[in-house]
PDB file of N, CA and C in Angstrom:
ATOM      1  N   UNK A   1      17.780  -7.136 -26.450  1.00  0.00           N
ATOM      2  CA  UNK A   1      18.573  -6.230 -26.761  1.00  0.00           C
ATOM      3  C   UNK A   1      18.809  -5.346 -25.130  1.00  0.00           C
ATOM      4  N   UNK A   2      17.292  -4.873 -25.131  1.00  0.00           N
ATOM      5  CA  UNK A   2      17.596  -3.980 -24.359  1.00  0.00           C
ATOM      6  C   UNK A   2      18.268  -4.497 -22.687  1.00  0.00           C
ATOM      7  N   UNK A   3      18.749  -5.979 -22.771  1.00  0.00           N
ATOM      8  CA  UNK A   3      19.226  -5.875 -21.246  1.00  0.00           C
ATOM      9  C   UNK A   3      20.292  -5.642 -21.386  1.00  0.00           C
ATOM     10  N   UNK A   4      20.933  -6.490 -22.615  1.00  0.00           N
ATOM     11  CA  UNK A   4      22.512  -5.797 -23.453  1.00  0.00           C
ATOM     12  C   UNK A   4      23.031  -4.082 -22.993  1.00  0.00           C
ATOM     13  N   UNK A   5      21.743  -3.893 -22.981  1.00  0.00           N
ATOM     14  CA  UNK A   5      22.563  -2.198 -23.481  1.00  0.00           C
ATOM     15  C   UNK A   5      22.579  -1.550 -21.648  1.00  0.00           C
ATOM     16  N   UNK A   6      21.249  -1.843 -21.454  1.00  0.00           N
ATOM     17  CA  UNK A   6      21.871  -1.865 -19.447  1.00  0.00           C
ATOM     18  C   UNK A   6      22.414  -2.638 -18.929  1.00  0.00           C
ATOM     19  N   UNK A   7      23.181  -3.633 -18.987  1.00  0.00           N
ATOM     20  CA  UNK A   7      24.442  -4.508 -18.284  1.00  0.00           C
ATOM     21  C   UNK A   7      25.452  -3.496 -19.602  1.00  0.00           C
ATOM     22  N   UNK A   8      25.820  -3.243 -20.232  1.00  0.00           N
ATOM     23  CA  UNK A   8      26.543  -2.544 -20.522  1.00  0.00           C
ATOM     24  C   UNK A   8      27.104  -0.768 -19.812  1.00  0.00           C
ATOM     25  N   UNK A   9      26.043  -0.218 -20.592  1.00  0.00           N
ATOM     26  CA  UNK A   9      25.744   0.873 -19.278  1.00  0.00           C
ATOM     27  C   UNK A   9      26.383   0.460 -18.213  1.00  0.00           C
ATOM     28  N   UNK A  10      25.796  -0.558 -17.236  1.00  0.00           N
ATOM     29  CA  UNK A  10      26.549  -0.320 -15.802  1.00  0.00           C
ATOM     30  C   UNK A  10      27.417  -0.738 -15.225  1.00  0.00           C
ATOM     31  N   UNK A  11      28.285  -1.888 -16.741  1.00  0.00           N
ATOM     32  CA  UNK A  11      29.568  -2.302 -16.884  1.00  0.00           C
ATOM     33  C   UNK A  11      30.159  -0.581 -16.826  1.00  0.00           C
ATOM     34  N   UNK A  12      30.151   0.217 -17.783  1.00  0.00           N
ATOM     35  CA  UNK A  12      30.703   0.895 -17.942  1.00  0.00           C
ATOM     36  C   UNK A  12      30.893   2.537 -16.740  1.00  0.00           C
ATOM     37  N   UNK A  13      29.965   2.641 -16.263  1.00  0.00           N
ATOM     38  CA  UNK A  13      29.386   3.328 -14.753  1.00  0.00           C
ATOM     39  C   UNK A  13      30.409   2.281 -13.839  1.00  0.00           C
ATOM     40  N   UNK A  14      30.424   1.173 -13.962  1.00  0.00           N
ATOM     41  CA  UNK A  14      31.184   0.814 -12.426  1.00  0.00           C
ATOM     42  C   UNK A  14      32.912   0.529 -13.190  1.00  0.00           C
ATOM     43  N   UNK A  15      33.203   0.784 -14.468  1.00  0.00           N
ATOM     44  CA  UNK A  15      34.475   0.766 -14.493  1.00  0.00           C
ATOM     45  C   UNK A  15      34.792   2.170 -14.522  1.00  0.00           C
ATOM     46  N   UNK A  16      34.073   3.149 -14.624  1.00  0.00           N
ATOM     47  CA  UNK A  16      34.810   4.214 -14.665  1.00  0.00           C
ATOM     48  C   UNK A  16      35.050   4.560 -12.807  1.00  0.00           C
ATOM     49  N   UNK A  17      34.285   4.309 -12.062  1.00  0.00           N
ATOM     50  CA  UNK A  17      34.417   4.612 -10.595  1.00  0.00           C
ATOM     51  C   UNK A  17      35.010   3.623  -9.336  1.00  0.00           C
ATOM     52  N   UNK A  18      35.246   2.673 -10.081  1.00  0.00           N
ATOM     53  CA  UNK A  18      35.536   1.187  -9.158  1.00  0.00           C
ATOM     54  C   UNK A  18      36.936   1.562  -9.251  1.00  0.00           C
ATOM     55  N   UNK A  19      37.631   1.480 -10.453  1.00  0.00           N
ATOM     56  CA  UNK A  19      39.308   1.711  -9.791  1.00  0.00           C
ATOM     57  C   UNK A  19      39.911   3.264  -8.948  1.00  0.00           C
ATOM     58  N   UNK A  20      39.156   4.428  -9.340  1.00  0.00           N
ATOM     59  CA  UNK A  20      39.474   5.472  -8.512  1.00  0.00           C
ATOM     60  C   UNK A  20      39.305   4.804  -7.150  1.00  0.00           C
ATOM     61  N   UNK A  21      38.081   4.271  -6.803  1.00  0.00           N
ATOM     62  CA  UNK A  21      37.737   3.626  -4.870  1.00  0.00           C
ATOM     63  C   UNK A  21      38.895   2.746  -4.721  1.00  0.00           C
ATOM     64  N   UNK A  22      39.362   2.182  -5.668  1.00  0.00           N
ATOM     65  CA  UNK A  22      40.416   0.850  -5.324  1.00  0.00           C
ATOM     66  C   UNK A  22      41.744   1.462  -5.054  1.00  0.00           C
ATOM     67  N   UNK A  23      41.931   2.418  -5.876  1.00  0.00           N
ATOM     68  CA  UNK A  23      43.015   3.488  -5.663  1.00  0.00           C
ATOM     69  C   UNK A  23      43.266   4.078  -4.808  1.00  0.00           C
ATOM     70  N   UNK A  24      41.962   4.701  -4.114  1.00  0.00           N
ATOM     71  CA  UNK A  24      42.179   5.669  -2.812  1.00  0.00           C
ATOM     72  C   UNK A  24      42.080   4.986  -1.732  1.00  0.00           C
ATOM     73  N   UNK A  25      41.872   3.355  -1.620  1.00  0.00           N
ATOM     74  CA  UNK A  25      41.760   2.446  -1.089  1.00  0.00           C
ATOM     75  C   UNK A  25      40.627   2.697  -0.054  1.00  0.00           C
ATOM     76  N   UNK A  26      39.438   3.182  -0.643  1.00  0.00           N
ATOM     77  CA  UNK A  26      38.103   3.259  -0.065  1.00  0.00           C
ATOM     78  C   UNK A  26      36.941   2.142   0.138  1.00  0.00           C
ATOM     79  N   UNK A  27      37.687   0.886   0.813  1.00  0.00           N
ATOM     80  CA  UNK A  27      36.705   0.190   0.866  1.00  0.00           C
ATOM     81  C   UNK A  27      35.141  -0.271   1.257  1.00  0.00           C
ATOM     82  N   UNK A  28      34.727   0.551   2.164  1.00  0.00           N
ATOM     83  CA  UNK A  28      33.976   0.609   2.978  1.00  0.00           C
ATOM     84  C   UNK A  28      32.788   1.313   1.355  1.00  0.00           C
ATOM     85  N   UNK A  29      33.343   2.792   1.042  1.00  0.00           N
ATOM     86  CA  UNK A  29      32.741   3.074  -0.055  1.00  0.00           C
ATOM     87  C   UNK A  29      32.468   2.252  -1.641  1.00  0.00           C
ATOM     88  N   UNK A  30      33.569   1.427  -1.630  1.00  0.00           N
ATOM     89  CA  UNK A  30      33.525   1.019  -2.743  1.00  0.00           C
ATOM     90  C   UNK A  30      32.450  -0.552  -2.787  1.00  0.00           C
ATOM     91  N   UNK A  31      32.175  -0.875  -1.446  1.00  0.00           N
ATOM     92  CA  UNK A  31      31.293  -2.202  -0.957  1.00  0.00           C
ATOM     93  C   UNK A  31      29.736  -0.799  -1.114  1.00  0.00           C
ATOM     94  N   UNK A  32      29.727   0.195  -0.120  1.00  0.00           N
ATOM     95  CA  UNK A  32      28.416   0.910  -0.614  1.00  0.00           C
ATOM     96  C   UNK A  32      27.960   0.999  -1.969  1.00  0.00           C
ATOM     97  N   UNK A  33      29.186   1.125  -2.701  1.00  0.00           N
ATOM     98  CA  UNK A  33      28.879   1.184  -4.267  1.00  0.00           C
ATOM     99  C   UNK A  33      28.260  -0.013  -5.021  1.00  0.00           C
ATOM    100  N   UNK A  34      29.199  -1.111  -4.912  1.00  0.00           N
ATOM    101  CA  UNK A  34      28.673  -2.236  -5.156  1.00  0.00           C
ATOM    102  C   UNK A  34      27.151  -2.480  -5.111  1.00  0.00           C
ATOM    103  N   UNK A  35      26.740  -2.451  -3.542  1.00  0.00           N
ATOM    104  CA  UNK A  35      25.651  -2.885  -3.040  1.00  0.00           C
ATOM    105  C   UNK A  35      24.618  -1.786  -4.203  1.00  0.00           C
ATOM    106  N   UNK A  36      25.075  -0.821  -4.394  1.00  0.00           N
ATOM    107  CA  UNK A  36      23.894   0.171  -5.010  1.00  0.00           C
ATOM    108  C   UNK A  36      23.833  -0.382  -6.550  1.00  0.00           C
ATOM    109  N   UNK A  37      24.558  -0.157  -6.840  1.00  0.00           N
ATOM    110  CA  UNK A  37      25.003  -0.303  -8.599  1.00  0.00           C
ATOM    111  C   UNK A  37      24.260  -1.969  -8.826  1.00  0.00           C
ATOM    112  N   UNK A  38      24.153  -2.904  -8.260  1.00  0.00           N
ATOM    113  CA  UNK A  38      23.931  -4.070  -8.543  1.00  0.00           C
ATOM    114  C   UNK A  38      22.113  -4.008  -7.921  1.00  0.00           C
ATOM    115  N   UNK A  39      21.817  -3.262  -7.312  1.00  0.00           N
ATOM    116  CA  UNK A  39      20.851  -3.191  -6.696  1.00  0.00           C
ATOM    117  C   UNK A  39      20.031  -2.957  -8.490  1.00  0.00           C
ATOM    118  N   UNK A  40      20.679  -1.324  -8.441  1.00  0.00           N
ATOM    119  CA  UNK A  40      20.308  -0.692  -9.541  1.00  0.00           C
ATOM    120  C   UNK A  40      20.076  -1.620 -10.825  1.00  0.00           C
ATOM    121  N   UNK A  41      21.539  -2.642 -11.102  1.00  0.00           N
ATOM    122  CA  UNK A  41      21.022  -3.395 -11.831  1.00  0.00           C
ATOM    123  C   UNK A  41      20.205  -4.432 -11.826  1.00  0.00           C
ATOM    124  N   UNK A  42      19.907  -4.990 -11.268  1.00  0.00           N
ATOM    125  CA  UNK A  42      18.668  -5.890 -11.050  1.00  0.00           C
ATOM    126  C   UNK A  42      17.356  -5.724 -10.967  1.00  0.00           C
ATOM    127  N   UNK A  43      17.001  -3.675 -10.207  1.00  0.00           N
ATOM    128  CA  UNK A  43      15.986  -3.152 -10.615  1.00  0.00           C
ATOM    129  C   UNK A  43      15.631  -2.490 -12.131  1.00  0.00           C
ATOM    130  N   UNK A  44      16.125  -2.662 -12.485  1.00  0.00           N
ATOM    131  CA  UNK A  44      16.329  -1.965 -13.650  1.00  0.00           C
ATOM    132  C   UNK A  44      16.251  -3.530 -15.237  1.00  0.00           C
ATOM    133  N   UNK A  45      16.581  -4.609 -14.500  1.00  0.00           N
ATOM    134  CA  UNK A  45      16.071  -5.683 -15.925  1.00  0.00           C
ATOM    135  C   UNK A  45      15.289  -6.075 -15.015  1.00  0.00           C
ATOM    136  N   UNK A  46      14.606  -6.175 -13.808  1.00  0.00           N
ATOM    137  CA  UNK A  46      13.348  -6.680 -13.489  1.00  0.00           C
ATOM    138  C   UNK A  46      12.162  -5.603 -14.595  1.00  0.00           C
ATOM    139  N   UNK A  47      12.643  -4.556 -14.420  1.00  0.00           N
ATOM    140  CA  UNK A  47      11.962  -3.473 -15.225  1.00  0.00           C
ATOM    141  C   UNK A  47      11.782  -3.766 -16.512  1.00  0.00           C
ATOM    142  N   UNK A  48      12.703  -3.768 -17.469  1.00  0.00           N
ATOM    143  CA  UNK A  48      12.392  -5.129 -18.523  1.00  0.00           C
ATOM    144  C   UNK A  48      11.781  -5.879 -18.921  1.00  0.00           C
ATOM    145  N   UNK A  49      11.677  -6.601 -17.771  1.00  0.00           N
ATOM    146  CA  UNK A  49      10.860  -7.896 -18.001  1.00  0.00           C
ATOM    147  C   UNK A  49       9.479  -7.168 -17.310  1.00  0.00           C
ATOM    148  N   UNK A  50       9.368  -6.325 -17.010  1.00  0.00           N
ATOM    149  CA  UNK A  50       7.590  -5.803 -16.599  1.00  0.00           C
ATOM    150  C   UNK A  50       7.344  -6.828 -15.045  1.00  0.00           C
ATOM    151  N   UNK A  51       8.446  -7.145 -14.512  1.00  0.00           N
ATOM    152  CA  UNK A  51       7.936  -7.528 -13.164  1.00  0.00           C
ATOM    153  C   UNK A  51       7.103  -7.024 -12.032  1.00  0.00           C
ATOM    154  N   UNK A  52       6.266  -6.769 -11.624  1.00  0.00           N
ATOM    155  CA  UNK A  52       5.290  -6.189 -10.905  1.00  0.00           C
ATOM    156  C   UNK A  52       6.296  -5.893  -9.234  1.00  0.00           C
ATOM    157  N   UNK A  53       6.768  -4.307  -8.773  1.00  0.00           N
ATOM    158  CA  UNK A  53       7.467  -3.933  -7.437  1.00  0.00           C
ATOM    159  C   UNK A  53       6.592  -3.795  -6.775  1.00  0.00           C
ATOM    160  N   UNK A  54       6.427  -3.920  -6.006  1.00  0.00           N
ATOM    161  CA  UNK A  54       5.861  -3.408  -4.740  1.00  0.00           C
ATOM    162  C   UNK A  54       6.370  -1.711  -4.693  1.00  0.00           C
ATOM    163  N   UNK A  55       5.398  -0.801  -4.501  1.00  0.00           N
ATOM    164  CA  UNK A  55       5.904   0.413  -3.694  1.00  0.00           C
ATOM    165  C   UNK A  55       6.622   0.636  -2.708  1.00  0.00           C
ATOM    166  N   UNK A  56       7.446   1.250  -2.542  1.00  0.00           N
ATOM    167  CA  UNK A  56       8.455   1.223  -1.236  1.00  0.00           C
ATOM    168  C   UNK A  56       7.704   2.456   0.045  1.00  0.00           C
ATOM    169  N   UNK A  57       6.791   3.407  -0.817  1.00  0.00           N
ATOM    170  CA  UNK A  57       6.184   4.089   0.223  1.00  0.00           C
ATOM    171  C   UNK A  57       4.878   3.561   0.794  1.00  0.00           C
ATOM    172  N   UNK A  58       4.470   2.220   0.491  1.00  0.00           N
ATOM    173  CA  UNK A  58       3.167   1.653   0.976  1.00  0.00           C
ATOM    174  C   UNK A  58       4.150   1.066   2.474  1.00  0.00           C
ATOM    175  N   UNK A  59       5.538   0.958   2.173  1.00  0.00           N
ATOM    176  CA  UNK A  59       5.412   0.408   3.091  1.00  0.00           C
ATOM    177  C   UNK A  59       6.135   1.020   4.165  1.00  0.00           C
ATOM    178  N   UNK A  60       6.565   1.739   3.571  1.00  0.00           N
ATOM    179  CA  UNK A  60       7.348   2.692   5.106  1.00  0.00           C
ATOM    180  C   UNK A  60       5.863   3.367   5.378  1.00  0.00           C
ATOM    181  N   UNK A  61       5.366   3.419   4.897  1.00  0.00           N
ATOM    182  CA  UNK A  61       3.411   4.127   5.411  1.00  0.00           C
ATOM    183  C   UNK A  61       2.809   3.112   6.643  1.00  0.00           C
ATOM    184  N   UNK A  62       2.460   2.241   6.000  1.00  0.00           N
ATOM    185  CA  UNK A  62       2.362   0.961   7.234  1.00  0.00           C
ATOM    186  C   UNK A  62       2.720   1.047   8.377  1.00  0.00           C
ATOM    187  N   UNK A  63       4.299   1.042   8.048  1.00  0.00           N
ATOM    188  CA  UNK A  63       5.050   1.163   9.616  1.00  0.00           C
ATOM    189  C   UNK A  63       4.870   2.777  10.067  1.00  0.00           C
ATOM    190  N   UNK A  64       5.098   3.316   9.468  1.00  0.00           N
ATOM    191  CA  UNK A  64       5.266   4.834  10.100  1.00  0.00           C
ATOM    192  C   UNK A  64       3.865   5.703  10.662  1.00  0.00           C
ATOM    193  N   UNK A  65       2.735   5.391  10.557  1.00  0.00           N
ATOM    194  CA  UNK A  65       1.312   5.437  10.506  1.00  0.00           C
ATOM    195  C   UNK A  65       0.785   5.014  12.025  1.00  0.00           C
ATOM    196  N   UNK A  66       1.176   4.109  12.737  1.00  0.00           N
ATOM    197  CA  UNK A  66       1.075   4.119  13.682  1.00  0.00           C
ATOM    198  C   UNK A  66       2.082   4.646  14.765  1.00  0.00           C
ATOM    199  N   UNK A  67       3.317   4.210  14.439  1.00  0.00           N
ATOM    200  CA  UNK A  67       4.109   4.955  15.054  1.00  0.00           C
ATOM    201  C   UNK A  67       4.193   6.478  15.378  1.00  0.00           C
ATOM    202  N   UNK A  68       2.935   7.551  14.305  1.00  0.00           N
ATOM    203  CA  UNK A  68       3.422   8.689  14.406  1.00  0.00           C
ATOM    204  C   UNK A  68       1.914   9.105  15.003  1.00  0.00           C
ATOM    205  N   UNK A  69       0.611   7.795  14.894  1.00  0.00           N
ATOM    206  CA  UNK A  69      -0.760   8.036  15.779  1.00  0.00           C
ATOM    207  C   UNK A  69       0.200   8.036  17.701  1.00  0.00           C
ATOM    208  N   UNK A  70       1.195   7.407  17.670  1.00  0.00           N
ATOM    209  CA  UNK A  70       1.276   7.575  19.172  1.00  0.00           C
ATOM    210  C   UNK A  70       2.455   8.890  19.901  1.00  0.00           C
ATOM    211  N   UNK A  71       3.038   9.108  18.773  1.00  0.00           N
ATOM    212  CA  UNK A  71       3.493  10.424  19.036  1.00  0.00           C
ATOM    213  C   UNK A  71       2.688  12.108  19.060  1.00  0.00           C
ATOM    214  N   UNK A  72       1.882  11.557  18.554  1.00  0.00           N
ATOM    215  CA  UNK A  72       0.954  12.990  18.362  1.00  0.00           C
ATOM    216  C   UNK A  72      -0.077  13.060  19.496  1.00  0.00           C
ATOM    217  N   UNK A  73       0.086  14.808  20.127  1.00  0.00           N
ATOM    218  CA  UNK A  73      -0.201  14.625  21.070  1.00  0.00           C
ATOM    219  C   UNK A  73      -1.689  15.710  20.909  1.00  0.00           C
ATOM    220  N   UNK A  74      -2.541  14.691  21.362  1.00  0.00           N
ATOM    221  CA  UNK A  74      -4.034  15.597  21.878  1.00  0.00           C
ATOM    222  C   UNK A  74      -4.404  16.562  22.325  1.00  0.00           C
TER     223      UNK A  74
END
């Protein structure tokens, strides 16, 4: 039931925004919007199923900490 509600919500959001983007011929914005809304839909459904998702800040800190130590002036 929760999944149906999530899908309905995302369809309503897309149904509200996508026709305006098509009418204004904003193709790049439409592609970005579609990617973001699909990502949000997938993450929401995975959350309902209690799928463990990694924390993105840990990945960023793993990548940026060595870079920060290289740029640090001692």
